[in-house]
Structures are given as C-alpha cells and as structure tokens.
Amino acid sequence: MNDIVKALHVGISVYNMDESIAWYEKNLGFELESNEYIAPLKAKVAFIRYGDFEIEIFEYDEPKELPVDRLEPNTDLQTVGTKHVAFEVKDVAGLKAKLVANGVEIAHEATMIGNSVLFIRDNSGVLIEFIQFN
C-alpha cells in the first residue's frame, strides 16, 4: 500500500523567527516561502524551502527551553521523539569549513559505515545532520 506521495516538511520550534530564517538562509541556502502569526497557536509560523523540501518553523510567544540532553546527538537519541533532520551532501569537509567560518557550532563528527557524518546545532540548538556517502 503506497498512500504516501512524498515527504513535505519537518517542523521545528525556535527562539527567534527572524534570526532563524536568516540563519537557515545564510548557512544552508533555504528561502522564505511564508511567514505569519497564527493567533490560536500564539505563535509565528514560517515555511522555508530548499528545492522540494520545506522546514516549518514555529516561534511561540512563550517558548520552552531546549533540554540540555537534547543538545548532544548520542544522548538525544535516547529520548523518545523526533530527533533531527538529515541532508545528503557531496563534501562534508567543505561544508564544515563554510559553517565554522560562519560561527556555526559543530556538535559531533564521525565516520559511520564508511560515510562521513557531521552534526551541527542551528541558532536555537536544534540538531541537524549531514551525510556524505562514500
């Protein structure tokens, strides 16, 4: 049974909408699709796009802090729930150099099953994974 047509988006909550949109544009090349305030949610909601993939960003009027154990990939994986979004890249080392030059925080690096893996934290501390298949 193939009811799913395609993946549409992943949702993340952030501390500051404008700063997050600028961060994703500058560091990952996403473009703003929409940005509005939704009163029943008491939150700003934006969609940013890279190719066919979107991230839905939420900035609540009263956000709750990201728990410390969610900041590290290996401890975060032990907590039930959605973990991170992952992107395939052609050159992890080149991407890392660009991100470090922009002041992006590197969370973890590894080689897994022969593939280069890089985890970073966005400007709200949300984990993002990049994989270069070797």
Protein backbone atom coordinates (compact mmCIF):
# COMPACT_ATOMS: atom_id res chain seq x y z
CA MET A 1 0.00 0.00 0.00
CA ASN A 2 1.63 3.26 -1.17
CA ASP A 3 -0.51 6.02 0.25
CA ILE A 4 2.40 8.43 0.85
CA VAL A 5 3.21 10.53 -2.19
CA LYS A 6 6.29 12.38 -0.86
CA ALA A 7 7.80 13.93 2.26
CA LEU A 8 6.65 17.54 2.65
CA HIS A 9 8.35 19.16 5.61
CA VAL A 10 9.77 18.85 9.08
CA GLY A 11 8.69 21.21 11.88
CA ILE A 12 10.98 22.85 14.43
CA SER A 13 10.46 25.38 17.20
CA VAL A 14 12.91 28.24 17.59
CA TYR A 15 13.55 31.10 19.98
CA ASN A 16 13.60 33.90 17.37
CA MET A 17 11.89 33.57 13.97
CA ASP A 18 13.76 36.34 12.14
CA GLU A 19 17.17 35.16 13.37
CA SER A 20 16.35 31.55 12.46
CA ILE A 21 15.16 32.41 8.96
CA ALA A 22 18.36 34.41 8.39
CA TRP A 23 20.47 31.54 9.83
CA TYR A 24 18.93 28.93 7.50
CA GLU A 25 19.25 31.25 4.50
CA LYS A 26 22.89 32.11 5.20
CA ASN A 27 24.16 28.68 6.24
CA LEU A 28 22.04 26.19 4.29
CA GLY A 29 20.59 28.14 1.36
CA PHE A 30 16.91 27.91 2.34
CA GLU A 31 14.48 30.55 1.03
CA LEU A 32 11.49 32.02 2.84
CA GLU A 33 8.12 30.85 1.48
CA SER A 34 5.70 32.33 4.05
CA ASN A 35 5.71 33.92 7.48
CA GLU A 36 2.64 34.76 9.56
CA TYR A 37 1.29 34.94 13.09
CA ILE A 38 -1.35 32.34 13.98
CA ALA A 39 -3.31 33.67 16.96
CA PRO A 40 -4.88 30.36 18.12
CA LEU A 41 -1.35 28.88 18.42
CA LYS A 42 0.09 32.06 19.93
CA ALA A 43 2.98 31.57 17.53
CA LYS A 44 4.64 32.88 14.42
CA VAL A 45 4.83 30.19 11.73
CA ALA A 46 7.09 30.29 8.68
CA PHE A 47 7.92 27.90 5.88
CA ILE A 48 11.40 27.91 4.38
CA ARG A 49 12.31 25.87 1.30
CA TYR A 50 15.36 24.24 -0.24
CA GLY A 51 14.43 22.55 -3.50
CA ASP A 52 11.40 20.34 -2.85
CA PHE A 53 11.95 20.23 0.91
CA GLU A 54 10.48 22.60 3.48
CA ILE A 55 11.04 23.32 7.14
CA GLU A 56 8.11 24.68 9.12
CA ILE A 57 9.42 26.99 11.82
CA PHE A 58 7.46 27.90 14.94
CA GLU A 59 8.24 30.77 17.31
CA TYR A 60 5.84 30.60 20.25
CA ASP A 61 5.08 33.65 22.36
CA GLU A 62 6.39 31.74 25.38
CA PRO A 63 8.83 29.07 24.15
CA LYS A 64 10.10 26.37 26.49
CA GLU A 65 13.88 25.90 26.63
CA LEU A 66 15.51 23.05 24.76
CA PRO A 67 16.51 20.44 27.39
CA VAL A 68 20.30 20.10 27.77
CA ASP A 69 20.27 16.36 26.93
CA ARG A 70 18.75 17.21 23.53
CA LEU A 71 21.89 19.16 22.56
CA GLU A 72 24.10 16.07 22.08
CA PRO A 73 23.30 13.58 19.31
CA ASN A 74 24.11 10.48 21.36
CA THR A 75 22.08 11.47 24.42
CA ASP A 76 19.27 12.94 22.33
CA LEU A 77 18.77 9.60 20.58
CA GLN A 78 17.87 8.05 23.94
CA THR A 79 14.92 10.43 24.35
CA VAL A 80 11.71 9.30 22.66
CA GLY A 81 10.56 11.64 19.90
CA THR A 82 11.71 13.20 16.65
CA LYS A 83 15.48 13.63 16.64
CA HIS A 84 16.84 15.66 13.74
CA VAL A 85 16.65 16.29 10.02
CA ALA A 86 19.44 14.85 7.86
CA PHE A 87 20.71 16.04 4.50
CA GLU A 88 22.93 14.27 1.99
CA VAL A 89 25.87 16.41 0.93
CA LYS A 90 28.67 15.99 -1.62
CA ASP A 91 31.51 17.32 0.57
CA VAL A 92 31.21 17.23 4.38
CA ALA A 93 34.67 18.77 4.88
CA GLY A 94 33.89 21.70 2.58
CA LEU A 95 30.52 22.26 4.23
CA LYS A 96 32.11 22.10 7.69
CA ALA A 97 34.69 24.73 6.71
CA LYS A 98 31.94 27.06 5.48
CA LEU A 99 29.83 26.54 8.60
CA VAL A 100 32.75 27.00 11.00
CA ALA A 101 33.69 30.23 9.18
CA ASN A 102 30.11 31.40 9.83
CA GLY A 103 30.42 30.58 13.54
CA VAL A 104 28.13 27.52 13.42
CA GLU A 105 28.51 25.15 16.36
CA ILE A 106 29.71 21.65 15.47
CA ALA A 107 28.02 19.07 17.72
CA HIS A 108 29.56 15.79 16.53
CA GLU A 109 31.63 14.28 13.74
CA ALA A 110 32.02 10.61 12.89
CA THR A 111 32.57 8.04 10.20
CA MET A 112 29.66 5.59 10.21
CA ILE A 113 29.68 2.56 7.95
CA GLY A 114 32.33 4.31 5.86
CA ASN A 115 30.31 7.51 5.46
CA SER A 116 31.29 10.97 6.74
CA VAL A 117 28.74 12.34 9.23
CA LEU A 118 28.54 15.85 10.68
CA PHE A 119 26.05 17.12 13.26
CA ILE A 120 25.63 20.83 13.87
CA ARG A 121 23.35 22.96 16.04
CA ASP A 122 21.29 25.72 14.48
CA ASN A 123 20.98 29.08 16.22
CA SER A 124 18.34 27.64 18.61
CA GLY A 125 20.36 24.49 19.39
CA VAL A 126 18.37 22.18 17.10
CA LEU A 127 20.46 19.29 15.76
CA ILE A 128 20.96 18.91 12.00
CA GLU A 129 22.84 16.02 10.39
CA PHE A 130 24.81 15.95 7.13
CA ILE A 131 25.96 12.72 5.50
CA GLN A 132 28.47 12.26 2.71
CA PHE A 133 28.04 8.77 1.28
CA ASN A 134 31.48 7.44 0.37
